[in-house]
Amino acid sequence: MMDEQQAIALLKQGDLGGLEVLVRLYQLRAIRAACLILGERTQAEDIVQSSFLRAAEKIHQFDDRRAFGPWFFRGVINAAIKSAKRQKRQIPLENDEENEPFNLADPVPLPSDLVETEETRQAVWHALQRLAPKQRAVVILHYYLGLTEEEIEPILKSPIGTVKWRLYAARKRLKKFLSLDAAATDEKSEEI
């Protein structure tokens, strides 16, 4: 099987077989990341598809000494943030019944994922959707895609201090949202 560097070399030669390999390597994580920012899968899939096409068009600008993933995710995340900002102006996510949480589990779940309950997944999903798009993006880049703050800096085109602040503020807000949701769930349980 072809590796990432071979795929990029093929793509730079105009062979779309290289793009096919990159799609296989990055599509699932890119869709999940965009979906976590947008709260809507169809739009996330459209953004990722467009991002792959843009990456193929601009592959000659890509520096072969770097990893493809962060370069590619930069386009996906920025497009998702822009779309989320437009979406927020048009319709609130909390009132859109079509944007219910969907299963983001990996095909081969980890034991910790198997233990996690559907109620917890929904609480985290709803709390994540309450964050501003840029805060959502930094959480997804760091915790879901596993990127360091230094790798996030060029993706979001923000200074490292801003990345750290957004990550801190997002964690703080998520903790608040989750504790408020837990308190509301406890109150409902006591009523029954």
N, C-alpha and C. Protein backbone atom coordinates (compact mmCIF):
# COMPACT_ATOMS: atom_id res chain seq x y z
N MET A 1 0.84 -1.18 0.00
CA MET A 1 0.00 0.00 0.00
C MET A 1 0.89 1.25 0.00
N MET A 2 0.43 2.25 -0.67
CA MET A 2 1.17 3.50 -0.84
C MET A 2 1.12 4.33 0.45
N ASP A 3 2.24 4.95 0.81
CA ASP A 3 2.23 5.81 1.99
C ASP A 3 1.92 7.25 1.60
N GLU A 4 1.83 8.12 2.61
CA GLU A 4 1.46 9.52 2.41
C GLU A 4 2.42 10.25 1.46
N GLN A 5 3.71 10.08 1.66
CA GLN A 5 4.70 10.78 0.82
C GLN A 5 4.61 10.35 -0.64
N GLN A 6 4.41 9.07 -0.87
CA GLN A 6 4.27 8.57 -2.24
C GLN A 6 2.99 9.14 -2.88
N ALA A 7 1.93 9.21 -2.09
CA ALA A 7 0.65 9.74 -2.58
C ALA A 7 0.79 11.20 -2.97
N ILE A 8 1.49 11.97 -2.16
CA ILE A 8 1.70 13.39 -2.45
C ILE A 8 2.55 13.55 -3.70
N ALA A 9 3.59 12.73 -3.84
CA ALA A 9 4.43 12.79 -5.04
C ALA A 9 3.61 12.49 -6.29
N LEU A 10 2.74 11.49 -6.22
CA LEU A 10 1.87 11.16 -7.36
C LEU A 10 0.95 12.33 -7.68
N LEU A 11 0.35 12.90 -6.65
CA LEU A 11 -0.57 14.01 -6.84
C LEU A 11 0.14 15.21 -7.47
N LYS A 12 1.37 15.47 -7.05
CA LYS A 12 2.14 16.57 -7.62
C LYS A 12 2.47 16.32 -9.09
N GLN A 13 2.46 15.06 -9.50
CA GLN A 13 2.69 14.71 -10.90
C GLN A 13 1.39 14.73 -11.71
N GLY A 14 0.28 15.05 -11.02
CA GLY A 14 -1.01 15.12 -11.70
C GLY A 14 -1.81 13.83 -11.67
N ASP A 15 -1.34 12.82 -10.94
CA ASP A 15 -2.03 11.54 -10.85
C ASP A 15 -3.00 11.58 -9.66
N LEU A 16 -4.31 11.52 -9.94
CA LEU A 16 -5.31 11.60 -8.88
C LEU A 16 -5.36 10.35 -8.00
N GLY A 17 -4.62 9.32 -8.37
CA GLY A 17 -4.50 8.15 -7.50
C GLY A 17 -3.89 8.53 -6.16
N GLY A 18 -3.05 9.55 -6.17
CA GLY A 18 -2.47 10.04 -4.93
C GLY A 18 -3.52 10.66 -4.03
N LEU A 19 -4.47 11.35 -4.63
CA LEU A 19 -5.56 11.95 -3.85
C LEU A 19 -6.41 10.86 -3.21
N GLU A 20 -6.63 9.79 -3.93
CA GLU A 20 -7.43 8.68 -3.39
C GLU A 20 -6.81 8.13 -2.11
N VAL A 21 -5.50 8.01 -2.08
CA VAL A 21 -4.81 7.51 -0.89
C VAL A 21 -4.97 8.50 0.27
N LEU A 22 -4.81 9.79 -0.02
CA LEU A 22 -4.96 10.81 1.02
C LEU A 22 -6.39 10.85 1.55
N VAL A 23 -7.36 10.65 0.69
CA VAL A 23 -8.76 10.60 1.14
C VAL A 23 -8.94 9.44 2.10
N ARG A 24 -8.40 8.28 1.74
CA ARG A 24 -8.51 7.12 2.64
C ARG A 24 -7.87 7.38 3.99
N LEU A 25 -6.74 8.08 3.99
CA LEU A 25 -6.02 8.34 5.23
C LEU A 25 -6.68 9.39 6.13
N TYR A 26 -7.31 10.40 5.52
CA TYR A 26 -7.74 11.56 6.30
C TYR A 26 -9.24 11.86 6.28
N GLN A 27 -10.00 11.24 5.41
CA GLN A 27 -11.40 11.63 5.26
C GLN A 27 -12.23 11.45 6.53
N LEU A 28 -12.16 10.33 7.16
CA LEU A 28 -12.99 10.05 8.32
C LEU A 28 -12.72 11.04 9.46
N ARG A 29 -11.45 11.25 9.79
CA ARG A 29 -11.13 12.20 10.86
C ARG A 29 -11.52 13.62 10.48
N ALA A 30 -11.35 13.98 9.21
CA ALA A 30 -11.70 15.33 8.76
C ALA A 30 -13.21 15.55 8.86
N ILE A 31 -14.00 14.57 8.45
CA ILE A 31 -15.46 14.70 8.54
C ILE A 31 -15.88 14.81 9.99
N ARG A 32 -15.33 13.98 10.83
CA ARG A 32 -15.68 14.04 12.25
C ARG A 32 -15.32 15.39 12.86
N ALA A 33 -14.13 15.89 12.54
CA ALA A 33 -13.70 17.18 13.08
C ALA A 33 -14.62 18.30 12.60
N ALA A 34 -14.92 18.33 11.32
CA ALA A 34 -15.81 19.37 10.77
C ALA A 34 -17.21 19.23 11.37
N CYS A 35 -17.65 18.01 11.54
CA CYS A 35 -18.98 17.77 12.10
C CYS A 35 -19.06 18.22 13.55
N LEU A 36 -18.00 18.00 14.29
CA LEU A 36 -17.99 18.45 15.68
C LEU A 36 -18.06 19.97 15.76
N ILE A 37 -17.49 20.65 14.81
CA ILE A 37 -17.55 22.12 14.80
C ILE A 37 -18.93 22.58 14.33
N LEU A 38 -19.46 21.94 13.29
CA LEU A 38 -20.71 22.39 12.69
C LEU A 38 -21.96 21.83 13.35
N GLY A 39 -21.88 20.63 13.87
CA GLY A 39 -23.05 20.00 14.43
C GLY A 39 -23.96 19.42 13.36
N GLU A 40 -23.45 19.27 12.15
CA GLU A 40 -24.27 18.80 11.03
C GLU A 40 -23.39 18.02 10.07
N ARG A 41 -23.73 16.76 9.83
CA ARG A 41 -22.87 15.86 9.08
C ARG A 41 -22.83 16.17 7.57
N THR A 42 -23.96 16.42 6.95
CA THR A 42 -23.97 16.64 5.51
C THR A 42 -23.10 17.82 5.12
N GLN A 43 -23.23 18.89 5.84
CA GLN A 43 -22.42 20.09 5.57
C GLN A 43 -20.94 19.79 5.81
N ALA A 44 -20.65 19.02 6.85
CA ALA A 44 -19.27 18.63 7.15
C ALA A 44 -18.68 17.82 5.99
N GLU A 45 -19.45 16.89 5.46
CA GLU A 45 -18.98 16.08 4.33
C GLU A 45 -18.70 16.96 3.11
N ASP A 46 -19.56 17.94 2.87
CA ASP A 46 -19.35 18.86 1.74
C ASP A 46 -18.07 19.66 1.92
N ILE A 47 -17.84 20.14 3.14
CA ILE A 47 -16.63 20.92 3.42
C ILE A 47 -15.38 20.07 3.21
N VAL A 48 -15.41 18.85 3.68
CA VAL A 48 -14.24 17.97 3.53
C VAL A 48 -13.99 17.64 2.06
N GLN A 49 -15.05 17.38 1.31
CA GLN A 49 -14.89 17.10 -0.11
C GLN A 49 -14.26 18.30 -0.82
N SER A 50 -14.77 19.49 -0.52
CA SER A 50 -14.20 20.72 -1.12
C SER A 50 -12.75 20.92 -0.70
N SER A 51 -12.45 20.58 0.55
CA SER A 51 -11.09 20.74 1.06
C SER A 51 -10.12 19.80 0.35
N PHE A 52 -10.56 18.58 0.06
CA PHE A 52 -9.69 17.66 -0.68
C PHE A 52 -9.43 18.19 -2.09
N LEU A 53 -10.46 18.72 -2.72
CA LEU A 53 -10.28 19.27 -4.07
C LEU A 53 -9.34 20.47 -4.04
N ARG A 54 -9.50 21.34 -3.02
CA ARG A 54 -8.62 22.50 -2.89
C ARG A 54 -7.18 22.05 -2.63
N ALA A 55 -7.03 21.02 -1.80
CA ALA A 55 -5.69 20.51 -1.50
C ALA A 55 -5.03 19.96 -2.77
N ALA A 56 -5.81 19.27 -3.60
CA ALA A 56 -5.27 18.74 -4.85
C ALA A 56 -4.84 19.88 -5.78
N GLU A 57 -5.64 20.94 -5.81
CA GLU A 57 -5.32 22.09 -6.66
C GLU A 57 -4.07 22.83 -6.18
N LYS A 58 -3.87 22.86 -4.85
CA LYS A 58 -2.77 23.62 -4.27
C LYS A 58 -1.62 22.74 -3.78
N ILE A 59 -1.61 21.49 -4.20
CA ILE A 59 -0.60 20.55 -3.70
C ILE A 59 0.82 21.01 -4.01
N HIS A 60 1.00 21.81 -5.04
CA HIS A 60 2.35 22.30 -5.37
C HIS A 60 2.84 23.32 -4.33
N GLN A 61 1.93 23.88 -3.55
CA GLN A 61 2.31 24.80 -2.48
C GLN A 61 2.70 24.05 -1.20
N PHE A 62 2.40 22.77 -1.15
CA PHE A 62 2.67 21.97 0.04
C PHE A 62 4.16 21.67 0.15
N ASP A 63 4.71 21.86 1.35
CA ASP A 63 6.11 21.59 1.65
C ASP A 63 6.25 20.12 2.03
N ASP A 64 6.94 19.34 1.21
CA ASP A 64 7.09 17.90 1.42
C ASP A 64 7.79 17.53 2.73
N ARG A 65 8.49 18.47 3.33
CA ARG A 65 9.19 18.17 4.59
C ARG A 65 8.23 18.18 5.78
N ARG A 66 7.01 18.62 5.58
CA ARG A 66 6.02 18.68 6.67
C ARG A 66 5.01 17.54 6.51
N ALA A 67 4.24 17.32 7.57
CA ALA A 67 3.17 16.32 7.53
C ALA A 67 1.97 16.91 6.78
N PHE A 68 1.31 16.08 6.02
CA PHE A 68 0.16 16.53 5.24
C PHE A 68 -1.04 16.85 6.14
N GLY A 69 -1.24 16.04 7.19
CA GLY A 69 -2.42 16.18 8.05
C GLY A 69 -2.68 17.59 8.56
N PRO A 70 -1.74 18.20 9.28
CA PRO A 70 -2.00 19.56 9.78
C PRO A 70 -2.27 20.57 8.66
N TRP A 71 -1.57 20.44 7.54
CA TRP A 71 -1.79 21.34 6.40
C TRP A 71 -3.21 21.18 5.86
N PHE A 72 -3.65 19.95 5.73
CA PHE A 72 -4.99 19.67 5.22
C PHE A 72 -6.06 20.08 6.23
N PHE A 73 -5.86 19.71 7.50
CA PHE A 73 -6.86 20.03 8.53
C PHE A 73 -7.04 21.53 8.69
N ARG A 74 -6.00 22.29 8.41
CA ARG A 74 -6.10 23.75 8.48
C ARG A 74 -7.24 24.25 7.58
N GLY A 75 -7.28 23.76 6.35
CA GLY A 75 -8.34 24.16 5.43
C GLY A 75 -9.71 23.68 5.88
N VAL A 76 -9.78 22.45 6.36
CA VAL A 76 -11.06 21.88 6.83
C VAL A 76 -11.59 22.68 8.02
N ILE A 77 -10.75 22.90 9.00
CA ILE A 77 -11.17 23.59 10.22
C ILE A 77 -11.57 25.03 9.92
N ASN A 78 -10.78 25.73 9.12
CA ASN A 78 -11.12 27.12 8.80
C ASN A 78 -12.43 27.21 8.03
N ALA A 79 -12.67 26.30 7.09
CA ALA A 79 -13.94 26.29 6.35
C ALA A 79 -15.10 25.96 7.28
N ALA A 80 -14.90 25.05 8.22
CA ALA A 80 -15.96 24.69 9.16
C ALA A 80 -16.28 25.85 10.11
N ILE A 81 -15.25 26.57 10.55
CA ILE A 81 -15.48 27.73 11.43
C ILE A 81 -16.28 28.79 10.69
N LYS A 82 -15.88 29.09 9.46
CA LYS A 82 -16.61 30.09 8.68
C LYS A 82 -18.06 29.67 8.48
N SER A 83 -18.27 28.42 8.17
CA SER A 83 -19.62 27.92 7.95
C SER A 83 -20.43 27.96 9.25
N ALA A 84 -19.80 27.62 10.37
CA ALA A 84 -20.50 27.64 11.66
C ALA A 84 -20.91 29.06 12.03
N LYS A 85 -20.06 30.03 11.72
CA LYS A 85 -20.41 31.43 12.00
C LYS A 85 -21.62 31.85 11.17
N ARG A 86 -21.63 31.48 9.89
CA ARG A 86 -22.78 31.80 9.02
C ARG A 86 -24.02 31.08 9.53
N GLN A 87 -23.86 29.83 9.91
CA GLN A 87 -24.97 29.01 10.38
C GLN A 87 -25.57 29.61 11.65
N LYS A 88 -24.71 30.08 12.54
CA LYS A 88 -25.18 30.64 13.80
C LYS A 88 -26.02 31.90 13.56
N ARG A 89 -25.66 32.66 12.55
CA ARG A 89 -26.43 33.86 12.22
C ARG A 89 -27.78 33.48 11.63
N GLN A 90 -27.86 32.31 11.01
CA GLN A 90 -29.09 31.92 10.33
C GLN A 90 -30.04 31.15 11.24
N ILE A 91 -29.56 30.12 11.94
CA ILE A 91 -30.42 29.32 12.80
C ILE A 91 -29.65 28.89 14.05
N PRO A 92 -30.32 28.88 15.20
CA PRO A 92 -29.65 28.40 16.40
C PRO A 92 -29.56 26.87 16.39
N LEU A 93 -28.39 26.33 16.76
CA LEU A 93 -28.20 24.88 16.77
C LEU A 93 -29.09 24.18 17.79
N GLU A 94 -29.35 24.82 18.93
CA GLU A 94 -30.12 24.16 19.98
C GLU A 94 -31.55 23.85 19.55
N ASN A 95 -32.11 24.60 18.62
CA ASN A 95 -33.50 24.40 18.22
C ASN A 95 -33.65 23.60 16.93
N ASP A 96 -32.58 23.15 16.37
CA ASP A 96 -32.64 22.43 15.10
C ASP A 96 -32.69 20.93 15.38
N GLU A 97 -33.85 20.32 15.18
CA GLU A 97 -34.02 18.90 15.48
C GLU A 97 -33.17 18.00 14.59
N GLU A 98 -32.80 18.47 13.40
CA GLU A 98 -31.98 17.66 12.51
C GLU A 98 -30.56 17.53 13.02
N ASN A 99 -30.14 18.39 13.93
CA ASN A 99 -28.76 18.38 14.41
C ASN A 99 -28.59 17.60 15.69
N GLU A 100 -29.34 16.52 15.83
CA GLU A 100 -29.18 15.66 16.99
C GLU A 100 -27.82 14.99 16.91
N PRO A 101 -27.25 14.64 18.04
CA PRO A 101 -25.94 13.99 18.02
C PRO A 101 -26.01 12.68 17.23
N PHE A 102 -24.96 12.38 16.51
CA PHE A 102 -24.89 11.13 15.80
C PHE A 102 -23.70 10.36 16.35
N ASN A 103 -23.62 9.13 16.00
CA ASN A 103 -22.58 8.28 16.54
C ASN A 103 -21.23 8.63 15.92
N LEU A 104 -20.31 9.12 16.74
CA LEU A 104 -18.97 9.48 16.28
C LEU A 104 -17.95 8.41 16.64
N ALA A 105 -18.43 7.24 17.01
CA ALA A 105 -17.53 6.19 17.46
C ALA A 105 -16.66 5.69 16.32
N ASP A 106 -15.43 5.32 16.65
CA ASP A 106 -14.54 4.71 15.68
C ASP A 106 -15.08 3.33 15.35
N PRO A 107 -14.75 2.80 14.15
CA PRO A 107 -15.21 1.46 13.80
C PRO A 107 -14.77 0.41 14.83
N VAL A 108 -13.60 0.61 15.43
CA VAL A 108 -13.11 -0.29 16.47
C VAL A 108 -12.99 0.53 17.76
N PRO A 109 -14.04 0.58 18.56
CA PRO A 109 -14.02 1.45 19.74
C PRO A 109 -13.03 0.96 20.80
N LEU A 110 -12.50 1.92 21.54
CA LEU A 110 -11.63 1.62 22.66
C LEU A 110 -12.49 1.15 23.83
N PRO A 111 -11.90 0.42 24.78
CA PRO A 111 -12.69 -0.01 25.93
C PRO A 111 -13.35 1.17 26.67
N SER A 112 -12.62 2.28 26.77
CA SER A 112 -13.20 3.44 27.46
C SER A 112 -14.42 3.98 26.71
N ASP A 113 -14.41 3.86 25.36
CA ASP A 113 -15.56 4.30 24.57
C ASP A 113 -16.76 3.39 24.81
N LEU A 114 -16.50 2.09 25.02
CA LEU A 114 -17.58 1.15 25.25
C LEU A 114 -18.28 1.42 26.59
N VAL A 115 -17.53 1.93 27.56
CA VAL A 115 -18.08 2.20 28.88
C VAL A 115 -18.95 3.46 28.87
N GLU A 116 -18.59 4.40 28.03
CA GLU A 116 -19.28 5.69 27.98
C GLU A 116 -20.75 5.50 27.63
N THR A 117 -21.63 6.16 28.36
CA THR A 117 -23.07 6.01 28.12
C THR A 117 -23.57 6.98 27.06
N GLU A 118 -24.70 6.66 26.50
CA GLU A 118 -25.32 7.53 25.49
C GLU A 118 -25.67 8.88 26.11
N GLU A 119 -26.09 8.89 27.35
CA GLU A 119 -26.44 10.14 28.03
C GLU A 119 -25.22 11.06 28.14
N THR A 120 -24.07 10.50 28.46
CA THR A 120 -22.85 11.29 28.57
C THR A 120 -22.44 11.83 27.21
N ARG A 121 -22.53 10.99 26.18
CA ARG A 121 -22.19 11.43 24.83
C ARG A 121 -23.06 12.62 24.42
N GLN A 122 -24.35 12.53 24.70
CA GLN A 122 -25.25 13.61 24.33
C GLN A 122 -24.94 14.88 25.11
N ALA A 123 -24.62 14.74 26.39
CA ALA A 123 -24.29 15.91 27.21
C ALA A 123 -23.03 16.60 26.67
N VAL A 124 -22.02 15.82 26.32
CA VAL A 124 -20.79 16.40 25.78
C VAL A 124 -21.07 17.04 24.42
N TRP A 125 -21.86 16.36 23.60
CA TRP A 125 -22.21 16.90 22.28
C TRP A 125 -22.90 18.26 22.42
N HIS A 126 -23.90 18.32 23.28
CA HIS A 126 -24.63 19.58 23.44
C HIS A 126 -23.75 20.67 24.05
N ALA A 127 -22.90 20.30 24.99
CA ALA A 127 -21.99 21.29 25.59
C ALA A 127 -21.02 21.82 24.54
N LEU A 128 -20.49 20.94 23.70
CA LEU A 128 -19.57 21.34 22.65
C LEU A 128 -20.25 22.30 21.67
N GLN A 129 -21.50 22.04 21.36
CA GLN A 129 -22.22 22.89 20.41
C GLN A 129 -22.51 24.28 20.98
N ARG A 130 -22.44 24.42 22.29
CA ARG A 130 -22.68 25.72 22.93
C ARG A 130 -21.44 26.62 22.89
N LEU A 131 -20.29 26.05 22.56
CA LEU A 131 -19.06 26.84 22.46
C LEU A 131 -19.07 27.66 21.17
N ALA A 132 -18.33 28.75 21.18
CA ALA A 132 -18.13 29.54 19.96
C ALA A 132 -17.35 28.67 18.96
N PRO A 133 -17.54 28.88 17.66
CA PRO A 133 -16.87 28.03 16.66
C PRO A 133 -15.35 27.93 16.83
N LYS A 134 -14.67 29.02 17.15
CA LYS A 134 -13.21 28.95 17.30
C LYS A 134 -12.81 28.17 18.55
N GLN A 135 -13.62 28.26 19.61
CA GLN A 135 -13.34 27.46 20.80
C GLN A 135 -13.59 25.98 20.50
N ARG A 136 -14.67 25.69 19.79
CA ARG A 136 -14.96 24.32 19.38
C ARG A 136 -13.80 23.76 18.56
N ALA A 137 -13.31 24.58 17.63
CA ALA A 137 -12.23 24.14 16.75
C ALA A 137 -10.97 23.80 17.54
N VAL A 138 -10.59 24.63 18.50
CA VAL A 138 -9.37 24.38 19.25
C VAL A 138 -9.51 23.11 20.10
N VAL A 139 -10.68 22.86 20.65
CA VAL A 139 -10.92 21.64 21.43
C VAL A 139 -10.81 20.42 20.53
N ILE A 140 -11.41 20.49 19.36
CA ILE A 140 -11.38 19.36 18.43
C ILE A 140 -9.97 19.12 17.92
N LEU A 141 -9.27 20.18 17.55
CA LEU A 141 -7.90 20.02 17.07
C LEU A 141 -7.00 19.40 18.14
N HIS A 142 -7.15 19.85 19.38
CA HIS A 142 -6.26 19.39 20.44
C HIS A 142 -6.67 18.01 20.97
N TYR A 143 -7.93 17.85 21.33
CA TYR A 143 -8.34 16.61 22.00
C TYR A 143 -8.78 15.51 21.03
N TYR A 144 -9.37 15.88 19.92
CA TYR A 144 -9.83 14.85 18.99
C TYR A 144 -8.75 14.48 17.98
N LEU A 145 -8.12 15.47 17.39
CA LEU A 145 -7.09 15.19 16.38
C LEU A 145 -5.70 15.03 17.01
N GLY A 146 -5.56 15.37 18.30
CA GLY A 146 -4.30 15.15 18.99
C GLY A 146 -3.18 16.10 18.61
N LEU A 147 -3.53 17.27 18.10
CA LEU A 147 -2.49 18.23 17.71
C LEU A 147 -2.01 19.03 18.92
N THR A 148 -0.75 19.40 18.89
CA THR A 148 -0.20 20.24 19.97
C THR A 148 -0.63 21.68 19.74
N GLU A 149 -0.44 22.50 20.76
CA GLU A 149 -0.77 23.92 20.64
C GLU A 149 0.06 24.57 19.54
N GLU A 150 1.31 24.12 19.40
CA GLU A 150 2.19 24.66 18.36
C GLU A 150 1.70 24.28 16.96
N GLU A 151 1.12 23.08 16.82
CA GLU A 151 0.58 22.67 15.53
C GLU A 151 -0.74 23.38 15.22
N ILE A 152 -1.48 23.74 16.26
CA ILE A 152 -2.76 24.43 16.10
C ILE A 152 -2.55 25.88 15.67
N GLU A 153 -1.48 26.48 16.14
CA GLU A 153 -1.19 27.90 15.87
C GLU A 153 -1.31 28.27 14.39
N PRO A 154 -0.62 27.57 13.48
CA PRO A 154 -0.76 27.96 12.06
C PRO A 154 -2.11 27.58 11.45
N ILE A 155 -2.74 26.56 11.98
CA ILE A 155 -4.05 26.14 11.45
C ILE A 155 -5.08 27.23 11.69
N LEU A 156 -5.11 27.76 12.91
CA LEU A 156 -6.09 28.80 13.24
C LEU A 156 -5.56 30.20 12.96
N LYS A 157 -4.30 30.28 12.51
CA LYS A 157 -3.67 31.57 12.23
C LYS A 157 -3.79 32.50 13.44
N SER A 158 -3.50 31.95 14.60
CA SER A 158 -3.56 32.69 15.86
C SER A 158 -2.26 32.51 16.61
N PRO A 159 -1.82 33.53 17.35
CA PRO A 159 -0.61 33.37 18.16
C PRO A 159 -0.78 32.26 19.19
N ILE A 160 0.31 31.67 19.60
CA ILE A 160 0.28 30.55 20.55
C ILE A 160 -0.46 30.94 21.84
N GLY A 161 -0.29 32.17 22.29
CA GLY A 161 -0.99 32.62 23.49
C GLY A 161 -2.50 32.60 23.32
N THR A 162 -2.96 32.97 22.14
CA THR A 162 -4.40 32.95 21.85
C THR A 162 -4.91 31.52 21.80
N VAL A 163 -4.13 30.62 21.21
CA VAL A 163 -4.51 29.21 21.16
C VAL A 163 -4.65 28.67 22.58
N LYS A 164 -3.65 28.94 23.43
CA LYS A 164 -3.69 28.47 24.81
C LYS A 164 -4.88 29.06 25.55
N TRP A 165 -5.15 30.35 25.34
CA TRP A 165 -6.27 30.99 26.01
C TRP A 165 -7.60 30.38 25.56
N ARG A 166 -7.75 30.16 24.24
CA ARG A 166 -8.99 29.57 23.74
C ARG A 166 -9.19 28.16 24.30
N LEU A 167 -8.13 27.41 24.38
CA LEU A 167 -8.22 26.06 24.92
C LEU A 167 -8.61 26.10 26.39
N TYR A 168 -7.99 26.99 27.15
CA TYR A 168 -8.32 27.15 28.56
C TYR A 168 -9.78 27.58 28.73
N ALA A 169 -10.19 28.61 27.98
CA ALA A 169 -11.56 29.13 28.10
C ALA A 169 -12.58 28.08 27.67
N ALA A 170 -12.26 27.32 26.62
CA ALA A 170 -13.18 26.27 26.15
C ALA A 170 -13.33 25.18 27.20
N ARG A 171 -12.23 24.74 27.81
CA ARG A 171 -12.31 23.72 28.86
C ARG A 171 -13.15 24.22 30.03
N LYS A 172 -12.93 25.47 30.40
CA LYS A 172 -13.67 26.06 31.52
C LYS A 172 -15.17 26.11 31.21
N ARG A 173 -15.52 26.55 30.00
CA ARG A 173 -16.93 26.62 29.62
C ARG A 173 -17.56 25.23 29.50
N LEU A 174 -16.81 24.28 28.94
CA LEU A 174 -17.33 22.91 28.85
C LEU A 174 -17.61 22.34 30.23
N LYS A 175 -16.69 22.57 31.15
CA LYS A 175 -16.88 22.09 32.52
C LYS A 175 -18.14 22.71 33.13
N LYS A 176 -18.32 24.00 32.91
CA LYS A 176 -19.51 24.69 33.43
C LYS A 176 -20.78 24.12 32.81
N PHE A 177 -20.79 23.98 31.48
CA PHE A 177 -21.97 23.46 30.80
C PHE A 177 -22.30 22.04 31.27
N LEU A 178 -21.27 21.22 31.40
CA LEU A 178 -21.50 19.84 31.80
C LEU A 178 -21.97 19.74 33.25
N SER A 179 -21.45 20.60 34.11
CA SER A 179 -21.90 20.56 35.51
C SER A 179 -23.33 21.09 35.62
N LEU A 180 -23.70 22.10 34.82
CA LEU A 180 -25.08 22.60 34.81
C LEU A 180 -26.03 21.53 34.29
N ASP A 181 -25.61 20.82 33.23
CA ASP A 181 -26.44 19.73 32.69
C ASP A 181 -26.59 18.61 33.70
N ALA A 182 -25.52 18.30 34.41
CA ALA A 182 -25.57 17.24 35.43
C ALA A 182 -26.51 17.63 36.56
N ALA A 183 -26.45 18.90 36.97
CA ALA A 183 -27.33 19.38 38.03
C ALA A 183 -28.79 19.32 37.58
N ALA A 184 -29.06 19.68 36.35
CA ALA A 184 -30.43 19.64 35.83
C ALA A 184 -30.92 18.18 35.75
N THR A 185 -30.04 17.26 35.38
CA THR A 185 -30.41 15.84 35.32
C THR A 185 -30.69 15.32 36.72
N ASP A 186 -29.88 15.73 37.70
CA ASP A 186 -30.11 15.30 39.08
C ASP A 186 -31.45 15.80 39.60
N GLU A 187 -31.81 17.06 39.27
CA GLU A 187 -33.09 17.61 39.69
C GLU A 187 -34.25 16.82 39.08
N LYS A 188 -34.14 16.46 37.81
CA LYS A 188 -35.19 15.67 37.15
C LYS A 188 -35.32 14.30 37.81
N SER A 189 -34.19 13.70 38.20
CA SER A 189 -34.22 12.37 38.84
C SER A 189 -34.91 12.46 40.19
N GLU A 190 -34.68 13.54 40.93
CA GLU A 190 -35.31 13.70 42.25
C GLU A 190 -36.81 13.89 42.13
N GLU A 191 -37.28 14.50 41.04
CA GLU A 191 -38.70 14.72 40.83
C GLU A 191 -39.44 13.41 40.60
N ILE A 192 -38.76 12.45 40.02
CA ILE A 192 -39.39 11.15 39.70
C ILE A 192 -39.46 10.36 40.95
